[in-house]
C-alpha atoms as a PDB file:
ATOM      1  CA  MET A   1     -75.833  -1.314 -36.336  1.00  0.00           C
ATOM      2  CA  GLN A   2     -72.393  -0.239 -35.211  1.00  0.00           C
ATOM      3  CA  ILE A   3     -71.058  -1.736 -31.978  1.00  0.00           C
ATOM      4  CA  LYS A   4     -70.274   0.870 -29.315  1.00  0.00           C
ATOM      5  CA  PHE A   5     -66.750   1.386 -28.000  1.00  0.00           C
ATOM      6  CA  GLY A   6     -67.597   0.096 -24.522  1.00  0.00           C
ATOM      7  CA  ASP A   7     -69.312  -2.967 -25.940  1.00  0.00           C
ATOM      8  CA  ARG A   8     -66.216  -3.800 -27.993  1.00  0.00           C
ATOM      9  CA  ILE A   9     -63.996  -3.588 -24.921  1.00  0.00           C
ATOM     10  CA  LYS A  10     -66.357  -5.785 -22.915  1.00  0.00           C
ATOM     11  CA  GLU A  11     -66.774  -8.259 -25.775  1.00  0.00           C
ATOM     12  CA  ARG A  12     -62.995  -8.639 -26.195  1.00  0.00           C
ATOM     13  CA  ARG A  13     -62.395  -8.782 -22.440  1.00  0.00           C
ATOM     14  CA  LEU A  14     -64.911 -11.587 -22.033  1.00  0.00           C
ATOM     15  CA  ALA A  15     -63.626 -13.436 -25.112  1.00  0.00           C
ATOM     16  CA  SER A  16     -60.166 -13.281 -23.554  1.00  0.00           C
ATOM     17  CA  LYS A  17     -61.656 -14.634 -20.299  1.00  0.00           C
ATOM     18  CA  MET A  18     -60.484 -11.547 -18.425  1.00  0.00           C
ATOM     19  CA  THR A  19     -62.231 -10.027 -15.433  1.00  0.00           C
ATOM     20  CA  LEU A  20     -62.550  -6.286 -14.951  1.00  0.00           C
ATOM     21  CA  ASP A  21     -59.778  -6.590 -12.349  1.00  0.00           C
ATOM     22  CA  GLN A  22     -57.463  -8.432 -14.737  1.00  0.00           C
ATOM     23  CA  LEU A  23     -57.915  -5.901 -17.537  1.00  0.00           C
ATOM     24  CA  ALA A  24     -57.468  -3.071 -15.061  1.00  0.00           C
ATOM     25  CA  GLN A  25     -54.227  -4.600 -13.811  1.00  0.00           C
ATOM     26  CA  ALA A  26     -52.968  -5.280 -17.365  1.00  0.00           C
ATOM     27  CA  THR A  27     -53.568  -1.641 -18.310  1.00  0.00           C
ATOM     28  CA  SER A  28     -52.493   0.039 -15.063  1.00  0.00           C
ATOM     29  CA  SER A  29     -56.053   1.240 -14.549  1.00  0.00           C
ATOM     30  CA  SER A  30     -58.625   0.906 -11.825  1.00  0.00           C
ATOM     31  CA  LYS A  31     -61.487  -1.570 -12.034  1.00  0.00           C
ATOM     32  CA  SER A  32     -63.958   1.321 -11.852  1.00  0.00           C
ATOM     33  CA  TYR A  33     -62.249   3.066 -14.795  1.00  0.00           C
ATOM     34  CA  ILE A  34     -62.570  -0.052 -16.984  1.00  0.00           C
ATOM     35  CA  TRP A  35     -66.198  -0.410 -15.890  1.00  0.00           C
ATOM     36  CA  GLU A  36     -66.844   3.213 -16.865  1.00  0.00           C
ATOM     37  CA  LEU A  37     -65.280   2.658 -20.291  1.00  0.00           C
ATOM     38  CA  GLU A  38     -67.531  -0.332 -20.853  1.00  0.00           C
ATOM     39  CA  ASN A  39     -70.716   1.270 -19.557  1.00  0.00           C
ATOM     40  CA  LYS A  40     -70.676   5.080 -19.813  1.00  0.00           C
ATOM     41  CA  ASN A  41     -71.582   6.890 -22.972  1.00  0.00           C
ATOM     42  CA  PRO A  42     -69.496   8.463 -24.355  1.00  0.00           C
ATOM     43  CA  PRO A  43     -66.239   7.313 -22.767  1.00  0.00           C
ATOM     44  CA  ARG A  44     -63.290   9.706 -22.903  1.00  0.00           C
ATOM     45  CA  PRO A  45     -60.041   7.722 -22.579  1.00  0.00           C
ATOM     46  CA  SER A  46     -56.721   9.245 -23.587  1.00  0.00           C
ATOM     47  CA  ALA A  47     -54.993   8.044 -26.755  1.00  0.00           C
ATOM     48  CA  GLU A  48     -52.271   6.485 -24.611  1.00  0.00           C
ATOM     49  CA  LYS A  49     -54.820   4.555 -22.523  1.00  0.00           C
ATOM     50  CA  LEU A  50     -56.615   3.415 -25.690  1.00  0.00           C
ATOM     51  CA  ALA A  51     -53.360   2.010 -27.074  1.00  0.00           C
ATOM     52  CA  ILE A  52     -52.643   0.155 -23.823  1.00  0.00           C
ATOM     53  CA  ILE A  53     -56.158  -1.330 -23.698  1.00  0.00           C
ATOM     54  CA  ALA A  54     -56.011  -2.388 -27.348  1.00  0.00           C
ATOM     55  CA  GLN A  55     -52.665  -4.072 -26.741  1.00  0.00           C
ATOM     56  CA  ALA A  56     -53.992  -5.922 -23.674  1.00  0.00           C
ATOM     57  CA  LEU A  57     -57.012  -7.103 -25.679  1.00  0.00           C
ATOM     58  CA  GLU A  58     -54.835  -8.001 -28.698  1.00  0.00           C
ATOM     59  CA  VAL A  59     -56.670  -5.778 -31.176  1.00  0.00           C
ATOM     60  CA  THR A  60     -56.098  -2.354 -32.698  1.00  0.00           C
ATOM     61  CA  VAL A  61     -57.330   1.011 -31.465  1.00  0.00           C
ATOM     62  CA  ASP A  62     -59.227   1.385 -34.754  1.00  0.00           C
ATOM     63  CA  TYR A  63     -61.116  -1.815 -34.017  1.00  0.00           C
ATOM     64  CA  LEU A  64     -62.069  -0.651 -30.511  1.00  0.00           C
ATOM     65  CA  LEU A  65     -63.234   2.703 -31.822  1.00  0.00           C
ATOM     66  CA  GLY A  66     -65.050   1.167 -34.790  1.00  0.00           C
ATOM     67  CA  SER A  67     -63.493   3.875 -36.948  1.00  0.00           C
ATOM     68  CA  ASP A  68     -63.032   1.611 -39.953  1.00  0.00           C
ATOM     69  CA  GLU A  69     -64.540  -1.529 -41.407  1.00  0.00           C
ATOM     70  CA  GLN A  70     -61.872  -3.679 -39.797  1.00  0.00           C
ATOM     71  CA  THR A  71     -63.031  -7.147 -38.804  1.00  0.00           C
ATOM     72  CA  LEU A  72     -62.037  -8.699 -35.507  1.00  0.00           C
ATOM     73  CA  GLU A  73     -59.743 -11.132 -37.343  1.00  0.00           C
ATOM     74  CA  GLU A  74     -57.982  -8.278 -39.153  1.00  0.00           C
ATOM     75  CA  ALA A  75     -57.572  -6.389 -35.878  1.00  0.00           C
ATOM     76  CA  GLU A  76     -56.101  -9.465 -34.196  1.00  0.00           C
ATOM     77  CA  ASP A  77     -53.704  -9.973 -37.116  1.00  0.00           C
ATOM     78  CA  LYS A  78     -52.516  -6.369 -36.931  1.00  0.00           C
ATOM     79  CA  ALA A  79     -52.081  -6.606 -33.160  1.00  0.00           C
ATOM     80  CA  PHE A  80     -50.144  -9.856 -33.582  1.00  0.00           C
ATOM     81  CA  TYR A  81     -47.874  -8.259 -36.169  1.00  0.00           C
ATOM     82  CA  ARG A  82     -47.256  -5.334 -33.828  1.00  0.00           C
ATOM     83  CA  SER A  83     -46.145  -7.793 -31.124  1.00  0.00           C
ATOM     84  CA  TYR A  84     -44.196  -9.870 -33.631  1.00  0.00           C
ATOM     85  CA  SER A  85     -42.283  -6.800 -34.861  1.00  0.00           C
ATOM     86  CA  GLY A  86     -40.966  -6.142 -31.360  1.00  0.00           C
ATOM     87  CA  LEU A  87     -39.547  -9.636 -30.899  1.00  0.00           C
ATOM     88  CA  PRO A  88     -35.839 -10.462 -31.256  1.00  0.00           C
ATOM     89  CA  SER A  89     -34.830 -11.491 -34.792  1.00  0.00           C
ATOM     90  CA  GLU A  90     -34.151 -15.109 -33.783  1.00  0.00           C
ATOM     91  CA  THR A  91     -37.623 -15.449 -32.293  1.00  0.00           C
ATOM     92  CA  ARG A  92     -39.183 -13.951 -35.443  1.00  0.00           C
ATOM     93  CA  ARG A  93     -37.215 -16.475 -37.549  1.00  0.00           C
ATOM     94  CA  GLN A  94     -38.490 -19.347 -35.396  1.00  0.00           C
ATOM     95  CA  LEU A  95     -42.079 -18.127 -35.761  1.00  0.00           C
ATOM     96  CA  ARG A  96     -41.686 -17.878 -39.552  1.00  0.00           C
ATOM     97  CA  ASP A  97     -40.350 -21.457 -39.602  1.00  0.00           C
ATOM     98  CA  MET A  98     -43.307 -22.607 -37.505  1.00  0.00           C
ATOM     99  CA  ALA A  99     -45.733 -20.837 -39.848  1.00  0.00           C
ATOM    100  CA  LYS A 100     -44.190 -22.651 -42.830  1.00  0.00           C
ATOM    101  CA  ILE A 101     -44.617 -25.984 -41.070  1.00  0.00           C
ATOM    102  CA  LEU A 102     -48.218 -25.235 -40.133  1.00  0.00           C
ATOM    103  CA  GLY A 103     -48.953 -24.073 -43.680  1.00  0.00           C
ATOM    104  CA  ALA A 104     -47.511 -27.269 -45.110  1.00  0.00           C
ATOM    105  CA  GLN A 105     -49.646 -29.377 -42.745  1.00  0.00           C
ATOM    106  CA  LYS A 106     -52.783 -27.543 -43.817  1.00  0.00           C
ATOM    107  CA  GLY A 107     -52.219 -28.588 -47.437  1.00  0.00           C
ATOM    108  CA  ARG A 108     -52.157 -32.304 -46.552  1.00  0.00           C
END
């Protein structure tokens, strides 16, 4: 059974330990609008609002919509890469160095 759009938003919001108010504030929305997205069927958010919500929940729009077979882990990785790509080059270098260190520790 496919998870509904509103259920995915609520699931991610709760997993992120966010209240309706916190997600609303993070997305420049009202609490009632977020509640409607989670509970009304079918919701009708704009593409821009979808992108903002996905970013706040650290997943992709495709994951929220359930439009592909993307797992939560894949969606989180893509959202992380999107954030990573916007960082200054020195910060990206530091993160790559940290990833190498963590990878080396895993092999021990």
